[in-house]
Amino acid sequence: MVERVGVAIVGGGFMGGVHADVLAADPRAELRWVVDRDERVAADLAARTSARVSTSLDDALLDDAVRLVVVATPAATHQPIAAQAISAGRHVLVEKPLVLSPGHARELAAEARSHGVTLAHGGNFGYAPKFVRAHELAADRDALGTVHSVRVVFRTSGPDADWFRSKATAGGGALTDLGWHAVELCRWMLGKPAIRSITACTRQLSATGDVEDQGIVLIEFADGAIGQCDVSWVCPGGEQLTVEVIGTEGLVRADFWQGMGVEAYTNTKFGAVWEPNQGWLRPEWEWIRNSGYVHQDRQVLDAILAGRPMTHTPDDAIAVVEALDAAYRSAEDGRKVELND
């Protein structure tokens, strides 16, 4: 008989729905609760499963069968929700960003270790099959020689919910939203070296909200390599996500959206295609799987049921939080910020 992990999803919006779909398809998981401050939102998601509904995490934590809490709420709420779940002895998967401050990241990691539970953070592109393959190739130093540069470009036409544009609820803008992935991919592609310094600049172009729409982050790694993160919410024409690793003898380049194997053209519009949906298109297919969510959530269950180590650990999350914190300080002060002094 398959051992099952009871799951409570906190946050019934888009990302809560992604994790609900992924976990519902895994026979080792049982969706038991959907928690959202808006009961109608929770009910809409729960209707796709057999889960119960509540506006309070307390109700889900009274259910002894709940072993995993998935936190898919606005970023500013991640720390208290994750801390409550960990204190109750539950494993936790927190959507990115894990938290907004290095101190809170270290506290959560310490609490998870103390309670003997898994603390996983959302970083789906680190599990995406295309980028996993690129990472394997980038690790071949005989082929690449001395790796000296890595660049991640992540651009979209903007977030899909208003709360992303409020510092009070999101903590930051494009750097917090897209920069999390970019910094994590840079570190991972290089083998996770320590970060020596951060230099960044940001810009707000939108009249909506109080956070940045664009950010450039320059990372100096302890091994001498240079990382570049180029993120933007102001990119008409569809999402762009590319990774490039360059060495003295070779390079590895991966474009997430190119080479998906499907092409289409229309003079009008495809109704079932995300923007852009007119002209020549390369429509996504199995995007949840290709984006790494299936592999990420499966690895969380492996960690809970079999004690297998996660590819991306709480220490990695701490490193990303520290890097983004330094990037915001650099952009505000107009100076290089040293880390790991």
C-alpha atoms as a PDB file:
ATOM      1  CA  MET A   1       0.000   0.000   0.000  1.00  0.00           C
ATOM      2  CA  VAL A   2       1.317   3.447  -0.969  1.00  0.00           C
ATOM      3  CA  GLU A   3       2.079   5.717   1.969  1.00  0.00           C
ATOM      4  CA  ARG A   4       0.264   9.016   1.474  1.00  0.00           C
ATOM      5  CA  VAL A   5       1.125  12.532   2.582  1.00  0.00           C
ATOM      6  CA  GLY A   6      -1.816  14.703   3.569  1.00  0.00           C
ATOM      7  CA  VAL A   7      -1.469  18.191   2.059  1.00  0.00           C
ATOM      8  CA  ALA A   8      -2.876  21.579   3.006  1.00  0.00           C
ATOM      9  CA  ILE A   9      -2.545  24.313   0.413  1.00  0.00           C
ATOM     10  CA  VAL A  10      -2.553  27.863   1.764  1.00  0.00           C
ATOM     11  CA  GLY A  11      -3.508  30.288  -0.980  1.00  0.00           C
ATOM     12  CA  GLY A  12      -6.142  29.284  -3.472  1.00  0.00           C
ATOM     13  CA  GLY A  13      -4.987  31.465  -6.349  1.00  0.00           C
ATOM     14  CA  PHE A  14      -3.017  30.598  -9.473  1.00  0.00           C
ATOM     15  CA  MET A  15       0.043  29.051  -7.828  1.00  0.00           C
ATOM     16  CA  GLY A  16      -2.041  27.216  -5.257  1.00  0.00           C
ATOM     17  CA  GLY A  17      -3.893  25.711  -8.193  1.00  0.00           C
ATOM     18  CA  VAL A  18      -0.652  24.643  -9.887  1.00  0.00           C
ATOM     19  CA  HIS A  19       0.506  22.749  -6.793  1.00  0.00           C
ATOM     20  CA  ALA A  20      -2.965  21.283  -6.306  1.00  0.00           C
ATOM     21  CA  ASP A  21      -2.929  19.895  -9.845  1.00  0.00           C
ATOM     22  CA  VAL A  22       0.595  18.506  -9.524  1.00  0.00           C
ATOM     23  CA  LEU A  23       0.079  16.881  -6.132  1.00  0.00           C
ATOM     24  CA  ALA A  24      -3.369  15.529  -7.004  1.00  0.00           C
ATOM     25  CA  ALA A  25      -1.724  13.572  -9.821  1.00  0.00           C
ATOM     26  CA  ASP A  26       0.801  11.941  -7.457  1.00  0.00           C
ATOM     27  CA  PRO A  27      -0.581   8.823  -5.710  1.00  0.00           C
ATOM     28  CA  ARG A  28       1.580   9.575  -2.670  1.00  0.00           C
ATOM     29  CA  ALA A  29      -0.228  12.850  -1.951  1.00  0.00           C
ATOM     30  CA  GLU A  30      -3.733  13.487  -0.629  1.00  0.00           C
ATOM     31  CA  LEU A  31      -5.131  17.019  -0.847  1.00  0.00           C
ATOM     32  CA  ARG A  32      -7.029  17.499   2.397  1.00  0.00           C
ATOM     33  CA  TRP A  33      -7.370  21.277   2.873  1.00  0.00           C
ATOM     34  CA  VAL A  34      -7.410  24.499   0.891  1.00  0.00           C
ATOM     35  CA  VAL A  35      -6.956  27.555   3.087  1.00  0.00           C
ATOM     36  CA  ASP A  36      -7.554  31.092   1.872  1.00  0.00           C
ATOM     37  CA  ARG A  37      -8.728  34.270   3.581  1.00  0.00           C
ATOM     38  CA  ASP A  38     -11.371  34.471   0.838  1.00  0.00           C
ATOM     39  CA  GLU A  39     -13.588  31.436   1.382  1.00  0.00           C
ATOM     40  CA  ARG A  40     -14.936  31.611  -2.162  1.00  0.00           C
ATOM     41  CA  VAL A  41     -11.429  31.363  -3.616  1.00  0.00           C
ATOM     42  CA  ALA A  42     -10.674  28.367  -1.404  1.00  0.00           C
ATOM     43  CA  ALA A  43     -13.966  26.741  -2.352  1.00  0.00           C
ATOM     44  CA  ASP A  44     -13.318  27.176  -6.080  1.00  0.00           C
ATOM     45  CA  LEU A  45     -10.000  25.367  -5.814  1.00  0.00           C
ATOM     46  CA  ALA A  46     -11.280  22.719  -3.412  1.00  0.00           C
ATOM     47  CA  ALA A  47     -14.096  21.920  -5.833  1.00  0.00           C
ATOM     48  CA  ARG A  48     -11.459  20.451  -8.173  1.00  0.00           C
ATOM     49  CA  THR A  49     -10.471  18.013  -5.421  1.00  0.00           C
ATOM     50  CA  SER A  50     -12.012  16.385  -2.364  1.00  0.00           C
ATOM     51  CA  ALA A  51     -10.309  18.884  -0.064  1.00  0.00           C
ATOM     52  CA  ARG A  52     -11.996  20.710   2.761  1.00  0.00           C
ATOM     53  CA  VAL A  53     -12.113  24.507   2.964  1.00  0.00           C
ATOM     54  CA  SER A  54     -11.116  26.967   5.675  1.00  0.00           C
ATOM     55  CA  THR A  55     -10.101  30.579   6.104  1.00  0.00           C
ATOM     56  CA  SER A  56      -7.684  29.586   8.904  1.00  0.00           C
ATOM     57  CA  LEU A  57      -4.574  27.422   8.833  1.00  0.00           C
ATOM     58  CA  ASP A  58      -5.392  26.420  12.402  1.00  0.00           C
ATOM     59  CA  ASP A  59      -8.169  24.146  11.116  1.00  0.00           C
ATOM     60  CA  ALA A  60      -5.834  22.308   8.758  1.00  0.00           C
ATOM     61  CA  LEU A  61      -3.176  21.887  11.436  1.00  0.00           C
ATOM     62  CA  LEU A  62      -5.720  20.189  13.706  1.00  0.00           C
ATOM     63  CA  ASP A  63      -5.883  17.438  11.073  1.00  0.00           C
ATOM     64  CA  ASP A  64      -3.191  14.913  12.050  1.00  0.00           C
ATOM     65  CA  ALA A  65      -3.147  13.544   8.499  1.00  0.00           C
ATOM     66  CA  VAL A  66      -1.766  16.840   7.178  1.00  0.00           C
ATOM     67  CA  ARG A  67       2.005  16.429   6.915  1.00  0.00           C
ATOM     68  CA  LEU A  68       2.825  18.974   4.201  1.00  0.00           C
ATOM     69  CA  VAL A  69       1.759  22.622   4.034  1.00  0.00           C
ATOM     70  CA  VAL A  70       2.181  24.399   0.684  1.00  0.00           C
ATOM     71  CA  VAL A  71       2.390  28.178   1.048  1.00  0.00           C
ATOM     72  CA  ALA A  72       1.227  29.958  -2.112  1.00  0.00           C
ATOM     73  CA  THR A  73       0.226  33.368  -0.738  1.00  0.00           C
ATOM     74  CA  PRO A  74       1.624  36.899  -1.292  1.00  0.00           C
ATOM     75  CA  ALA A  75       5.302  37.082  -0.383  1.00  0.00           C
ATOM     76  CA  ALA A  76       4.940  39.259   2.712  1.00  0.00           C
ATOM     77  CA  THR A  77       2.864  36.530   4.396  1.00  0.00           C
ATOM     78  CA  HIS A  78       5.278  33.637   3.796  1.00  0.00           C
ATOM     79  CA  GLN A  79       7.288  33.894   6.995  1.00  0.00           C
ATOM     80  CA  PRO A  80       4.472  33.756   9.578  1.00  0.00           C
ATOM     81  CA  ILE A  81       2.579  31.010   7.728  1.00  0.00           C
ATOM     82  CA  ALA A  82       5.674  28.845   7.254  1.00  0.00           C
ATOM     83  CA  ALA A  83       6.764  29.418  10.858  1.00  0.00           C
ATOM     84  CA  GLN A  84       3.342  28.354  12.155  1.00  0.00           C
ATOM     85  CA  ALA A  85       3.392  25.174  10.079  1.00  0.00           C
ATOM     86  CA  ILE A  86       6.949  24.281  11.102  1.00  0.00           C
ATOM     87  CA  SER A  87       6.157  24.885  14.774  1.00  0.00           C
ATOM     88  CA  ALA A  88       3.292  22.405  14.380  1.00  0.00           C
ATOM     89  CA  GLY A  89       5.771  19.813  13.068  1.00  0.00           C
ATOM     90  CA  ARG A  90       4.702  19.996   9.422  1.00  0.00           C
ATOM     91  CA  HIS A  91       6.875  19.848   6.347  1.00  0.00           C
ATOM     92  CA  VAL A  92       6.643  23.030   4.283  1.00  0.00           C
ATOM     93  CA  LEU A  93       6.941  24.017   0.625  1.00  0.00           C
ATOM     94  CA  VAL A  94       6.966  27.802   0.289  1.00  0.00           C
ATOM     95  CA  GLU A  95       6.556  29.445  -3.100  1.00  0.00           C
ATOM     96  CA  LYS A  96       9.298  31.885  -4.048  1.00  0.00           C
ATOM     97  CA  PRO A  97      10.501  34.090  -2.561  1.00  0.00           C
ATOM     98  CA  LEU A  98      10.918  31.977   0.555  1.00  0.00           C
ATOM     99  CA  VAL A  99      10.877  35.112   2.731  1.00  0.00           C
ATOM    100  CA  LEU A 100      11.910  38.730   2.311  1.00  0.00           C
ATOM    101  CA  SER A 101      14.806  39.061   4.757  1.00  0.00           C
ATOM    102  CA  PRO A 102      17.978  37.036   5.369  1.00  0.00           C
ATOM    103  CA  GLY A 103      17.218  36.939   9.092  1.00  0.00           C
ATOM    104  CA  HIS A 104      13.833  35.325   8.576  1.00  0.00           C
ATOM    105  CA  ALA A 105      15.339  32.853   6.087  1.00  0.00           C
ATOM    106  CA  ARG A 106      17.943  31.737   8.599  1.00  0.00           C
ATOM    107  CA  GLU A 107      15.328  31.512  11.374  1.00  0.00           C
ATOM    108  CA  LEU A 108      13.028  29.307   9.294  1.00  0.00           C
ATOM    109  CA  ALA A 109      15.906  27.032   8.295  1.00  0.00           C
ATOM    110  CA  ALA A 110      16.967  26.672  11.925  1.00  0.00           C
ATOM    111  CA  GLU A 111      13.392  25.938  13.048  1.00  0.00           C
ATOM    112  CA  ALA A 112      12.980  23.308  10.333  1.00  0.00           C
ATOM    113  CA  ARG A 113      16.185  21.586  11.412  1.00  0.00           C
ATOM    114  CA  SER A 114      15.093  21.752  15.059  1.00  0.00           C
ATOM    115  CA  HIS A 115      11.738  20.126  14.292  1.00  0.00           C
ATOM    116  CA  GLY A 116      13.201  17.604  11.844  1.00  0.00           C
ATOM    117  CA  VAL A 117      10.997  18.699   8.956  1.00  0.00           C
ATOM    118  CA  THR A 118      11.629  19.506   5.305  1.00  0.00           C
ATOM    119  CA  LEU A 119      11.728  23.188   4.349  1.00  0.00           C
ATOM    120  CA  ALA A 120      11.462  23.436   0.566  1.00  0.00           C
ATOM    121  CA  HIS A 121      11.228  26.616  -1.463  1.00  0.00           C
ATOM    122  CA  GLY A 122       9.691  27.201  -4.842  1.00  0.00           C
ATOM    123  CA  GLY A 123      12.345  27.403  -7.528  1.00  0.00           C
ATOM    124  CA  ASN A 124      10.721  25.401 -10.279  1.00  0.00           C
ATOM    125  CA  PHE A 125      13.159  26.300 -13.053  1.00  0.00           C
ATOM    126  CA  GLY A 126      15.924  24.595 -11.116  1.00  0.00           C
ATOM    127  CA  TYR A 127      13.979  21.373 -11.736  1.00  0.00           C
ATOM    128  CA  ALA A 128      12.920  22.091 -15.339  1.00  0.00           C
ATOM    129  CA  PRO A 129      14.233  19.241 -17.550  1.00  0.00           C
ATOM    130  CA  LYS A 130      15.763  21.580 -20.128  1.00  0.00           C
ATOM    131  CA  PHE A 131      17.732  23.498 -17.508  1.00  0.00           C
ATOM    132  CA  VAL A 132      18.691  20.298 -15.677  1.00  0.00           C
ATOM    133  CA  ARG A 133      20.272  19.111 -18.929  1.00  0.00           C
ATOM    134  CA  ALA A 134      22.021  22.461 -19.385  1.00  0.00           C
ATOM    135  CA  HIS A 135      23.337  22.183 -15.824  1.00  0.00           C
ATOM    136  CA  GLU A 136      24.730  18.719 -16.563  1.00  0.00           C
ATOM    137  CA  LEU A 137      26.559  20.066 -19.624  1.00  0.00           C
ATOM    138  CA  ALA A 138      27.831  23.134 -17.749  1.00  0.00           C
ATOM    139  CA  ALA A 139      29.385  20.842 -15.139  1.00  0.00           C
ATOM    140  CA  ASP A 140      31.634  19.248 -17.790  1.00  0.00           C
ATOM    141  CA  ARG A 141      34.755  21.307 -17.182  1.00  0.00           C
ATOM    142  CA  ASP A 142      36.738  19.316 -19.750  1.00  0.00           C
ATOM    143  CA  ALA A 143      34.338  20.643 -22.375  1.00  0.00           C
ATOM    144  CA  LEU A 144      33.914  24.192 -21.048  1.00  0.00           C
ATOM    145  CA  GLY A 145      37.316  24.840 -19.502  1.00  0.00           C
ATOM    146  CA  THR A 146      37.347  27.596 -16.899  1.00  0.00           C
ATOM    147  CA  VAL A 147      33.793  28.887 -16.549  1.00  0.00           C
ATOM    148  CA  HIS A 148      33.981  32.651 -16.210  1.00  0.00           C
ATOM    149  CA  SER A 149      30.509  33.952 -16.967  1.00  0.00           C
ATOM    150  CA  VAL A 150      26.853  33.054 -16.536  1.00  0.00           C
ATOM    151  CA  ARG A 151      23.904  35.154 -17.672  1.00  0.00           C
ATOM    152  CA  VAL A 152      20.199  34.720 -16.998  1.00  0.00           C
ATOM    153  CA  VAL A 153      17.581  36.845 -18.753  1.00  0.00           C
ATOM    154  CA  PHE A 154      14.021  36.632 -17.454  1.00  0.00           C
ATOM    155  CA  ARG A 155      11.496  39.086 -18.891  1.00  0.00           C
ATOM    156  CA  THR A 156       7.700  39.155 -18.961  1.00  0.00           C
ATOM    157  CA  SER A 157       4.975  41.655 -19.767  1.00  0.00           C
ATOM    158  CA  GLY A 158       4.186  41.982 -16.059  1.00  0.00           C
ATOM    159  CA  PRO A 159       2.606  40.118 -13.159  1.00  0.00           C
ATOM    160  CA  ASP A 160      -0.848  38.565 -13.296  1.00  0.00           C
ATOM    161  CA  ALA A 161      -2.105  39.938  -9.953  1.00  0.00           C
ATOM    162  CA  ASP A 162      -2.195  43.466  -8.489  1.00  0.00           C
ATOM    163  CA  TRP A 163      -0.542  42.497  -5.197  1.00  0.00           C
ATOM    164  CA  PHE A 164       2.784  41.964  -6.997  1.00  0.00           C
ATOM    165  CA  ARG A 165       3.018  45.744  -7.546  1.00  0.00           C
ATOM    166  CA  SER A 166       2.677  46.631  -3.859  1.00  0.00           C
ATOM    167  CA  LYS A 167       5.774  46.643  -1.653  1.00  0.00           C
ATOM    168  CA  ALA A 168       3.556  45.993   1.366  1.00  0.00           C
ATOM    169  CA  THR A 169       2.354  42.652   0.004  1.00  0.00           C
ATOM    170  CA  ALA A 170       5.142  41.601  -2.394  1.00  0.00           C
ATOM    171  CA  GLY A 171       8.205  43.037  -0.691  1.00  0.00           C
ATOM    172  CA  GLY A 172       9.628  44.147  -4.028  1.00  0.00           C
ATOM    173  CA  GLY A 173       8.938  44.105  -7.734  1.00  0.00           C
ATOM    174  CA  ALA A 174      10.595  42.383 -10.687  1.00  0.00           C
ATOM    175  CA  LEU A 175      13.740  41.631  -8.652  1.00  0.00           C
ATOM    176  CA  THR A 176      11.737  39.797  -6.009  1.00  0.00           C
ATOM    177  CA  ASP A 177       9.483  38.053  -8.518  1.00  0.00           C
ATOM    178  CA  LEU A 178      11.822  37.145 -11.387  1.00  0.00           C
ATOM    179  CA  GLY A 179      15.169  37.887  -9.769  1.00  0.00           C
ATOM    180  CA  TRP A 180      14.711  34.984  -7.362  1.00  0.00           C
ATOM    181  CA  HIS A 181      14.816  32.553 -10.286  1.00  0.00           C
ATOM    182  CA  ALA A 182      17.641  34.410 -12.027  1.00  0.00           C
ATOM    183  CA  VAL A 183      19.968  34.472  -9.007  1.00  0.00           C
ATOM    184  CA  GLU A 184      19.216  30.846  -8.142  1.00  0.00           C
ATOM    185  CA  LEU A 185      19.875  29.703 -11.713  1.00  0.00           C
ATOM    186  CA  CYS A 186      23.157  31.644 -11.828  1.00  0.00           C
ATOM    187  CA  ARG A 187      24.444  30.036  -8.622  1.00  0.00           C
ATOM    188  CA  TRP A 188      23.277  26.560  -9.583  1.00  0.00           C
ATOM    189  CA  MET A 189      24.782  26.637 -13.070  1.00  0.00           C
ATOM    190  CA  LEU A 190      28.167  27.438 -11.533  1.00  0.00           C
ATOM    191  CA  GLY A 191      27.976  24.755  -8.844  1.00  0.00           C
ATOM    192  CA  LYS A 192      26.702  27.085  -6.086  1.00  0.00           C
ATOM    193  CA  PRO A 193      29.850  29.064  -5.274  1.00  0.00           C
ATOM    194  CA  ALA A 194      29.718  31.705  -2.543  1.00  0.00           C
ATOM    195  CA  ILE A 195      28.816  35.230  -3.622  1.00  0.00           C
ATOM    196  CA  ARG A 196      31.496  37.860  -3.041  1.00  0.00           C
ATOM    197  CA  SER A 197      29.650  41.034  -4.031  1.00  0.00           C
ATOM    198  CA  ILE A 198      26.502  42.426  -5.636  1.00  0.00           C
ATOM    199  CA  THR A 199      26.004  45.513  -7.786  1.00  0.00           C
ATOM    200  CA  ALA A 200      22.502  46.354  -8.998  1.00  0.00           C
ATOM    201  CA  CYS A 201      20.287  49.004 -10.497  1.00  0.00           C
ATOM    202  CA  THR A 202      16.512  49.124 -10.756  1.00  0.00           C
ATOM    203  CA  ARG A 203      13.877  51.257 -12.446  1.00  0.00           C
ATOM    204  CA  GLN A 204      10.139  51.750 -12.084  1.00  0.00           C
ATOM    205  CA  LEU A 205       8.409  52.486 -15.390  1.00  0.00           C
ATOM    206  CA  SER A 206       4.805  51.684 -14.492  1.00  0.00           C
ATOM    207  CA  ALA A 207       2.602  54.313 -12.905  1.00  0.00           C
ATOM    208  CA  THR A 208       0.911  51.494 -10.992  1.00  0.00           C
ATOM    209  CA  GLY A 209       2.268  50.385  -7.633  1.00  0.00           C
ATOM    210  CA  ASP A 210       5.445  51.314  -5.768  1.00  0.00           C
ATOM    211  CA  VAL A 211       7.984  48.669  -6.856  1.00  0.00           C
ATOM    212  CA  GLU A 212      10.548  48.294  -9.625  1.00  0.00           C
ATOM    213  CA  ASP A 213       9.675  46.947 -13.090  1.00  0.00           C
ATOM    214  CA  GLN A 214      13.244  46.309 -14.188  1.00  0.00           C
ATOM    215  CA  GLY A 215      16.461  45.218 -12.546  1.00  0.00           C
ATOM    216  CA  ILE A 216      20.031  44.395 -13.503  1.00  0.00           C
ATOM    217  CA  VAL A 217      22.171  42.496 -10.993  1.00  0.00           C
ATOM    218  CA  LEU A 218      25.910  41.887 -11.379  1.00  0.00           C
ATOM    219  CA  ILE A 219      27.238  39.081  -9.165  1.00  0.00           C
ATOM    220  CA  GLU A 220      30.908  38.495  -8.373  1.00  0.00           C
ATOM    221  CA  PHE A 221      31.408  34.921  -7.184  1.00  0.00           C
ATOM    222  CA  ALA A 222      34.168  33.766  -4.857  1.00  0.00           C
ATOM    223  CA  ASP A 223      35.629  31.538  -7.588  1.00  0.00           C
ATOM    224  CA  GLY A 224      36.111  34.532  -9.891  1.00  0.00           C
ATOM    225  CA  ALA A 225      33.125  33.964 -12.173  1.00  0.00           C
ATOM    226  CA  ILE A 226      30.740  36.786 -13.031  1.00  0.00           C
ATOM    227  CA  GLY A 227      26.948  36.405 -13.044  1.00  0.00           C
ATOM    228  CA  GLN A 228      24.478  38.705 -14.778  1.00  0.00           C
ATOM    229  CA  CYS A 229      20.751  38.756 -14.026  1.00  0.00           C
ATOM    230  CA  ASP A 230      18.561  40.805 -16.367  1.00  0.00           C
ATOM    231  CA  VAL A 231      14.924  40.862 -15.239  1.00  0.00           C
ATOM    232  CA  SER A 232      11.970  42.913 -16.423  1.00  0.00           C
ATOM    233  CA  TRP A 233       8.203  43.181 -16.278  1.00  0.00           C
ATOM    234  CA  VAL A 234       8.235  45.517 -19.295  1.00  0.00           C
ATOM    235  CA  CYS A 235       8.711  43.120 -22.181  1.00  0.00           C
ATOM    236  CA  PRO A 236       5.910  43.101 -24.790  1.00  0.00           C
ATOM    237  CA  GLY A 237       5.665  40.024 -26.966  1.00  0.00           C
ATOM    238  CA  GLY A 238       5.737  37.248 -24.433  1.00  0.00           C
ATOM    239  CA  GLU A 239       7.945  35.740 -21.760  1.00  0.00           C
ATOM    240  CA  GLN A 240      11.678  35.323 -22.307  1.00  0.00           C
ATOM    241  CA  LEU A 241      13.847  33.060 -20.166  1.00  0.00           C
ATOM    242  CA  THR A 242      17.383  32.195 -21.243  1.00  0.00           C
ATOM    243  CA  VAL A 243      20.480  30.861 -19.502  1.00  0.00           C
ATOM    244  CA  GLU A 244      24.029  31.046 -20.869  1.00  0.00           C
ATOM    245  CA  VAL A 245      27.191  29.631 -19.278  1.00  0.00           C
ATOM    246  CA  ILE A 246      30.510  30.539 -20.906  1.00  0.00           C
ATOM    247  CA  GLY A 247      33.918  28.964 -20.348  1.00  0.00           C
ATOM    248  CA  THR A 248      37.346  29.324 -21.917  1.00  0.00           C
ATOM    249  CA  GLU A 249      36.762  26.237 -24.108  1.00  0.00           C
ATOM    250  CA  GLY A 250      33.011  26.194 -24.687  1.00  0.00           C
ATOM    251  CA  LEU A 251      29.555  27.399 -23.742  1.00  0.00           C
ATOM    252  CA  VAL A 252      26.086  26.114 -22.900  1.00  0.00           C
ATOM    253  CA  ARG A 253      22.991  28.044 -23.866  1.00  0.00           C
ATOM    254  CA  ALA A 254      19.355  27.165 -23.062  1.00  0.00           C
ATOM    255  CA  ASP A 255      16.225  29.039 -24.092  1.00  0.00           C
ATOM    256  CA  PHE A 256      13.232  27.885 -22.094  1.00  0.00           C
ATOM    257  CA  TRP A 257      10.580  28.825 -24.644  1.00  0.00           C
ATOM    258  CA  GLN A 258      12.409  28.058 -27.898  1.00  0.00           C
ATOM    259  CA  GLY A 259      12.586  24.569 -29.305  1.00  0.00           C
ATOM    260  CA  MET A 260       9.359  23.360 -27.702  1.00  0.00           C
ATOM    261  CA  GLY A 261       8.551  21.341 -30.817  1.00  0.00           C
ATOM    262  CA  VAL A 262       5.263  23.087 -31.699  1.00  0.00           C
ATOM    263  CA  GLU A 263       4.836  26.010 -34.088  1.00  0.00           C
ATOM    264  CA  ALA A 264       1.708  27.769 -35.287  1.00  0.00           C
ATOM    265  CA  TYR A 265       0.684  30.859 -37.229  1.00  0.00           C
ATOM    266  CA  THR A 266      -2.501  32.916 -37.379  1.00  0.00           C
ATOM    267  CA  ASN A 267      -3.546  36.273 -38.822  1.00  0.00           C
ATOM    268  CA  THR A 268      -6.142  36.516 -36.062  1.00  0.00           C
ATOM    269  CA  LYS A 269      -5.683  34.965 -32.604  1.00  0.00           C
ATOM    270  CA  PHE A 270      -5.486  31.561 -30.944  1.00  0.00           C
ATOM    271  CA  GLY A 271      -7.941  31.486 -28.069  1.00  0.00           C
ATOM    272  CA  ALA A 272      -6.143  28.776 -26.110  1.00  0.00           C
ATOM    273  CA  VAL A 273      -2.639  30.283 -26.258  1.00  0.00           C
ATOM    274  CA  TRP A 274      -1.046  32.679 -23.773  1.00  0.00           C
ATOM    275  CA  GLU A 275       0.183  36.004 -25.126  1.00  0.00           C
ATOM    276  CA  PRO A 276       1.523  36.486 -27.681  1.00  0.00           C
ATOM    277  CA  ASN A 277      -1.276  34.638 -29.466  1.00  0.00           C
ATOM    278  CA  GLN A 278      -1.063  36.230 -32.925  1.00  0.00           C
ATOM    279  CA  GLY A 279       1.398  35.764 -35.798  1.00  0.00           C
ATOM    280  CA  TRP A 280       4.078  33.082 -35.576  1.00  0.00           C
ATOM    281  CA  LEU A 281       3.854  31.234 -32.255  1.00  0.00           C
ATOM    282  CA  ARG A 282       5.643  28.479 -30.376  1.00  0.00           C
ATOM    283  CA  PRO A 283       2.841  27.452 -28.024  1.00  0.00           C
ATOM    284  CA  GLU A 284       3.675  25.854 -24.697  1.00  0.00           C
ATOM    285  CA  TRP A 285       2.710  22.250 -24.090  1.00  0.00           C
ATOM    286  CA  GLU A 286       2.708  20.420 -20.775  1.00  0.00           C
ATOM    287  CA  TRP A 287       3.989  23.689 -19.338  1.00  0.00           C
ATOM    288  CA  ILE A 288       3.598  22.581 -15.705  1.00  0.00           C
ATOM    289  CA  ARG A 289       5.854  19.592 -16.331  1.00  0.00           C
ATOM    290  CA  ASN A 290       8.300  21.444 -18.578  1.00  0.00           C
ATOM    291  CA  SER A 291       8.538  24.257 -16.009  1.00  0.00           C
ATOM    292  CA  GLY A 292       9.744  21.823 -13.359  1.00  0.00           C
ATOM    293  CA  TYR A 293       6.776  21.921 -10.972  1.00  0.00           C
ATOM    294  CA  VAL A 294       6.140  18.185 -11.267  1.00  0.00           C
ATOM    295  CA  HIS A 295       9.791  17.369 -10.595  1.00  0.00           C
ATOM    296  CA  GLN A 296      10.013  19.888  -7.750  1.00  0.00           C
ATOM    297  CA  ASP A 297       6.922  18.705  -5.881  1.00  0.00           C
ATOM    298  CA  ARG A 298       7.830  15.062  -6.467  1.00  0.00           C
ATOM    299  CA  GLN A 299      11.221  15.721  -4.872  1.00  0.00           C
ATOM    300  CA  VAL A 300       9.495  17.297  -1.848  1.00  0.00           C
ATOM    301  CA  LEU A 301       7.480  14.086  -1.386  1.00  0.00           C
ATOM    302  CA  ASP A 302      10.678  12.035  -1.795  1.00  0.00           C
ATOM    303  CA  ALA A 303      12.275  14.094   0.976  1.00  0.00           C
ATOM    304  CA  ILE A 304       9.300  13.559   3.304  1.00  0.00           C
ATOM    305  CA  LEU A 305       8.760   9.849   2.631  1.00  0.00           C
ATOM    306  CA  ALA A 306      12.291   8.627   1.978  1.00  0.00           C
ATOM    307  CA  GLY A 307      14.543  11.282   3.494  1.00  0.00           C
ATOM    308  CA  ARG A 308      16.166  12.011   0.152  1.00  0.00           C
ATOM    309  CA  PRO A 309      18.023  15.340  -0.041  1.00  0.00           C
ATOM    310  CA  MET A 310      16.551  18.180  -2.046  1.00  0.00           C
ATOM    311  CA  THR A 311      18.528  19.516  -5.006  1.00  0.00           C
ATOM    312  CA  HIS A 312      17.929  23.040  -3.756  1.00  0.00           C
ATOM    313  CA  THR A 313      18.209  23.378   0.012  1.00  0.00           C
ATOM    314  CA  PRO A 314      17.327  25.982   2.666  1.00  0.00           C
ATOM    315  CA  ASP A 315      20.962  27.120   2.506  1.00  0.00           C
ATOM    316  CA  ASP A 316      20.438  27.880  -1.182  1.00  0.00           C
ATOM    317  CA  ALA A 317      17.323  29.874  -0.344  1.00  0.00           C
ATOM    318  CA  ILE A 318      19.265  31.832   2.273  1.00  0.00           C
ATOM    319  CA  ALA A 319      21.931  32.640  -0.327  1.00  0.00           C
ATOM    320  CA  VAL A 320      19.312  33.943  -2.769  1.00  0.00           C
ATOM    321  CA  VAL A 321      17.560  36.047  -0.103  1.00  0.00           C
ATOM    322  CA  GLU A 322      20.925  37.527   0.908  1.00  0.00           C
ATOM    323  CA  ALA A 323      21.751  38.294  -2.729  1.00  0.00           C
ATOM    324  CA  LEU A 324      18.428  40.009  -3.400  1.00  0.00           C
ATOM    325  CA  ASP A 325      18.666  41.965  -0.149  1.00  0.00           C
ATOM    326  CA  ALA A 326      22.124  43.145  -1.207  1.00  0.00           C
ATOM    327  CA  ALA A 327      20.805  43.998  -4.695  1.00  0.00           C
ATOM    328  CA  TYR A 328      18.133  46.285  -3.269  1.00  0.00           C
ATOM    329  CA  ARG A 329      20.690  47.991  -1.025  1.00  0.00           C
ATOM    330  CA  SER A 330      23.049  48.394  -3.971  1.00  0.00           C
ATOM    331  CA  ALA A 331      20.351  49.888  -6.184  1.00  0.00           C
ATOM    332  CA  GLU A 332      19.229  52.279  -3.455  1.00  0.00           C
ATOM    333  CA  ASP A 333      22.721  53.448  -2.477  1.00  0.00           C
ATOM    334  CA  GLY A 334      24.368  53.269  -5.900  1.00  0.00           C
ATOM    335  CA  ARG A 335      27.277  51.167  -4.687  1.00  0.00           C
ATOM    336  CA  LYS A 336      28.719  47.672  -4.685  1.00  0.00           C
ATOM    337  CA  VAL A 337      27.650  45.597  -1.673  1.00  0.00           C
ATOM    338  CA  GLU A 338      30.168  43.101  -0.319  1.00  0.00           C
ATOM    339  CA  LEU A 339      29.006  39.740   1.031  1.00  0.00           C
ATOM    340  CA  ASN A 340      30.754  37.042   3.058  1.00  0.00           C
ATOM    341  CA  ASP A 341      33.332  39.442   4.461  1.00  0.00           C
END
